[in-house]
């Protein structure tokens, strides 16, 4: 038994001391470019995104799932890491709220009722939480549900959600003309 423990410890040490530590936070992505591409493609889903991220935050993912011929509706996801290394993400999809909460927060997340939070998209959000400290805010927008979720604190969620918009981004040529 002692020999087995020594072998496991030596194996662990060799793997962890000879390899670089992975970047858990992920690489930064240009979410505004992804938004622009979806808008330029005249996609049927008007993506929602923050007008800007607070200083020290970085977007780590921006994914658009197009509508398929098999009846799949389009969906949009955006993830960001805060300056405190916590996560805030959003998912916009034509799916039941319960399904999105189960997928992105926790299968056993509890509903914490409605909360008034003044945002450009609306003021009434249904809130959710799990035992692990994850939080979620959901709002129905027509046929779609917007879920903002993650491990960030209340202030970070508020900051992120108050920056959300569906506005069209200016095209590269239009923004270049505006700067002239």
Protein backbone atom coordinates (compact mmCIF):
# COMPACT_ATOMS: atom_id res chain seq x y z
CA UNK A 1 0.00 0.00 0.00
CA UNK A 2 2.83 2.41 0.86
CA UNK A 3 4.46 1.72 -2.51
CA UNK A 4 1.20 2.53 -4.31
CA UNK A 5 0.88 5.84 -2.46
CA UNK A 6 4.48 6.73 -3.33
CA UNK A 7 3.90 5.91 -7.01
CA UNK A 8 0.77 8.09 -7.11
CA UNK A 9 2.56 11.02 -5.41
CA UNK A 10 5.55 10.75 -7.76
CA UNK A 11 3.23 10.61 -10.80
CA UNK A 12 1.30 13.65 -9.57
CA UNK A 13 4.52 15.58 -8.89
CA UNK A 14 5.94 14.82 -12.33
CA UNK A 15 2.74 15.90 -14.07
CA UNK A 16 2.22 19.06 -12.06
CA UNK A 17 5.79 20.26 -11.79
CA UNK A 18 6.78 19.66 -15.41
CA UNK A 19 3.72 21.18 -17.12
CA UNK A 20 2.55 24.76 -17.29
CA UNK A 21 -0.50 25.63 -15.23
CA UNK A 22 -3.50 26.04 -17.54
CA UNK A 23 -5.11 29.45 -17.83
CA UNK A 24 -8.40 28.80 -16.05
CA UNK A 25 -9.83 32.21 -16.89
CA UNK A 26 -9.51 31.58 -20.62
CA UNK A 27 -8.28 33.72 -23.44
CA UNK A 28 -9.93 37.01 -24.26
CA UNK A 29 -12.25 37.16 -27.26
CA UNK A 30 -13.53 40.15 -29.21
CA UNK A 31 -17.23 39.81 -28.44
CA UNK A 32 -18.10 43.04 -30.28
CA UNK A 33 -16.70 41.54 -33.48
CA UNK A 34 -18.89 38.47 -32.96
CA UNK A 35 -21.92 40.72 -32.36
CA UNK A 36 -21.10 42.67 -35.52
CA UNK A 37 -20.81 39.45 -37.55
CA UNK A 38 -24.21 38.19 -36.34
CA UNK A 39 -25.83 41.56 -37.02
CA UNK A 40 -24.22 41.83 -40.47
CA UNK A 41 -25.53 38.37 -41.36
CA UNK A 42 -29.06 39.68 -40.65
CA UNK A 43 -29.62 36.80 -38.24
CA UNK A 44 -33.19 36.27 -37.02
CA UNK A 45 -32.09 36.68 -33.39
CA UNK A 46 -31.20 40.17 -32.20
CA UNK A 47 -28.27 39.42 -29.94
CA UNK A 48 -27.94 41.09 -26.56
CA UNK A 49 -24.54 42.24 -25.39
CA UNK A 50 -22.94 44.76 -23.02
CA UNK A 51 -22.10 48.10 -24.61
CA UNK A 52 -18.70 47.72 -22.92
CA UNK A 53 -17.11 45.67 -20.19
CA UNK A 54 -15.87 47.31 -16.99
CA UNK A 55 -12.13 47.91 -16.71
CA UNK A 56 -10.33 44.70 -15.77
CA UNK A 57 -13.03 42.42 -17.18
CA UNK A 58 -12.52 40.28 -20.26
CA UNK A 59 -14.89 38.44 -22.54
CA UNK A 60 -13.92 34.77 -22.73
CA UNK A 61 -16.60 33.46 -25.09
CA UNK A 62 -19.10 34.70 -27.65
CA UNK A 63 -21.08 32.03 -29.49
CA UNK A 64 -23.98 32.24 -31.90
CA UNK A 65 -25.87 29.07 -32.82
CA UNK A 66 -27.72 29.64 -36.11
CA UNK A 67 -31.19 28.40 -36.84
CA UNK A 68 -31.13 24.98 -38.47
CA UNK A 69 -33.46 23.38 -40.94
CA UNK A 70 -34.33 20.83 -38.26
CA UNK A 71 -36.34 23.36 -36.27
CA UNK A 72 -33.56 24.47 -33.94
CA UNK A 73 -33.97 28.13 -33.11
CA UNK A 74 -30.95 30.42 -32.91
CA UNK A 75 -29.22 31.04 -29.59
CA UNK A 76 -26.54 33.42 -28.31
CA UNK A 77 -24.09 33.06 -25.44
CA UNK A 78 -21.53 35.45 -24.01
CA UNK A 79 -19.16 34.82 -21.11
CA UNK A 80 -16.94 37.23 -19.20
CA UNK A 81 -14.51 37.09 -16.30
CA UNK A 82 -14.59 39.99 -13.85
CA UNK A 83 -11.63 41.78 -12.34
CA UNK A 84 -12.16 39.53 -9.28
CA UNK A 85 -11.90 36.35 -11.43
CA UNK A 86 -15.58 35.52 -11.07
CA UNK A 87 -17.80 34.67 -14.03
CA UNK A 88 -20.79 36.41 -15.60
CA UNK A 89 -22.47 34.91 -18.63
CA UNK A 90 -25.60 35.37 -20.64
CA UNK A 91 -27.68 33.02 -22.72
CA UNK A 92 -30.45 34.11 -25.07
CA UNK A 93 -32.51 31.20 -26.35
CA UNK A 94 -36.06 30.13 -27.18
CA UNK A 95 -36.26 27.64 -24.32
CA UNK A 96 -38.16 27.33 -21.05
CA UNK A 97 -36.66 29.29 -18.15
CA UNK A 98 -36.43 26.10 -16.07
CA UNK A 99 -34.37 24.38 -18.77
CA UNK A 100 -31.89 27.25 -19.01
CA UNK A 101 -31.60 27.51 -15.22
CA UNK A 102 -30.98 23.77 -14.95
CA UNK A 103 -28.32 23.88 -17.67
CA UNK A 104 -26.46 27.07 -16.74
CA UNK A 105 -26.94 27.42 -12.97
CA UNK A 106 -27.80 24.09 -11.36
CA UNK A 107 -30.34 21.29 -11.70
CA UNK A 108 -31.36 22.02 -8.11
CA UNK A 109 -31.33 25.82 -8.32
CA UNK A 110 -34.02 27.54 -6.33
CA UNK A 111 -36.21 30.37 -7.52
CA UNK A 112 -35.74 33.43 -5.33
CA UNK A 113 -38.70 35.36 -6.74
CA UNK A 114 -38.80 38.55 -8.75
CA UNK A 115 -36.37 41.41 -8.33
CA UNK A 116 -36.55 44.93 -9.69
CA UNK A 117 -33.31 45.88 -11.38
CA UNK A 118 -33.42 48.82 -13.81
CA UNK A 119 -31.79 47.77 -17.08
CA UNK A 120 -32.19 48.90 -20.69
CA UNK A 121 -34.05 45.63 -21.43
CA UNK A 122 -36.55 45.85 -18.59
CA UNK A 123 -36.87 46.18 -14.85
CA UNK A 124 -38.38 42.89 -13.60
CA UNK A 125 -36.13 39.84 -13.40
CA UNK A 126 -36.80 36.40 -11.93
CA UNK A 127 -33.86 35.40 -9.74
CA UNK A 128 -32.32 32.01 -9.03
CA UNK A 129 -29.49 30.66 -6.89
CA UNK A 130 -27.83 27.40 -5.97
CA UNK A 131 -26.01 26.13 -2.91
CA UNK A 132 -22.63 26.66 -4.57
CA UNK A 133 -23.06 30.43 -4.76
CA UNK A 134 -24.13 30.75 -8.40
CA UNK A 135 -26.81 33.28 -9.24
CA UNK A 136 -29.07 33.85 -12.20
CA UNK A 137 -31.44 36.52 -13.48
CA UNK A 138 -34.01 35.61 -16.14
CA UNK A 139 -36.31 37.71 -18.28
CA UNK A 140 -38.69 36.67 -21.05
CA UNK A 141 -38.28 38.71 -24.23
CA UNK A 142 -40.93 37.64 -26.72
CA UNK A 143 -40.28 34.02 -27.70
CA UNK A 144 -36.83 34.10 -26.08
CA UNK A 145 -35.51 33.94 -22.55
CA UNK A 146 -32.48 35.93 -21.46
CA UNK A 147 -30.56 34.36 -18.60
CA UNK A 148 -27.68 36.24 -16.96
CA UNK A 149 -25.85 33.88 -14.64
CA UNK A 150 -22.58 33.12 -12.88
CA UNK A 151 -20.55 33.33 -9.71
CA UNK A 152 -20.07 37.09 -9.58
CA UNK A 153 -21.29 39.26 -6.73
CA UNK A 154 -24.45 41.37 -6.86
CA UNK A 155 -22.60 44.58 -7.79
CA UNK A 156 -20.91 42.90 -10.77
CA UNK A 157 -24.22 41.48 -12.00
CA UNK A 158 -25.83 44.91 -11.70
CA UNK A 159 -22.98 46.58 -13.60
CA UNK A 160 -23.11 43.97 -16.38
CA UNK A 161 -26.89 43.96 -16.72
CA UNK A 162 -27.17 47.75 -16.82
CA UNK A 163 -24.87 47.75 -19.88
CA UNK A 164 -26.94 45.28 -21.92
CA UNK A 165 -28.32 46.39 -25.26
CA UNK A 166 -29.70 45.11 -28.56
CA UNK A 167 -28.48 48.15 -30.48
CA UNK A 168 -26.93 47.74 -33.88
CA UNK A 169 -23.17 48.22 -33.82
CA UNK A 170 -21.90 50.72 -36.34
CA UNK A 171 -20.19 49.23 -39.37
CA UNK A 172 -16.44 49.67 -39.64
CA UNK A 173 -16.83 52.23 -42.43
CA UNK A 174 -19.50 54.17 -40.53
CA UNK A 175 -17.38 54.35 -37.37
CA UNK A 176 -14.34 55.41 -39.41
CA UNK A 177 -16.39 58.22 -41.00
CA UNK A 178 -17.62 59.32 -37.58
CA UNK A 179 -14.03 59.59 -36.33
CA UNK A 180 -12.96 61.80 -39.25
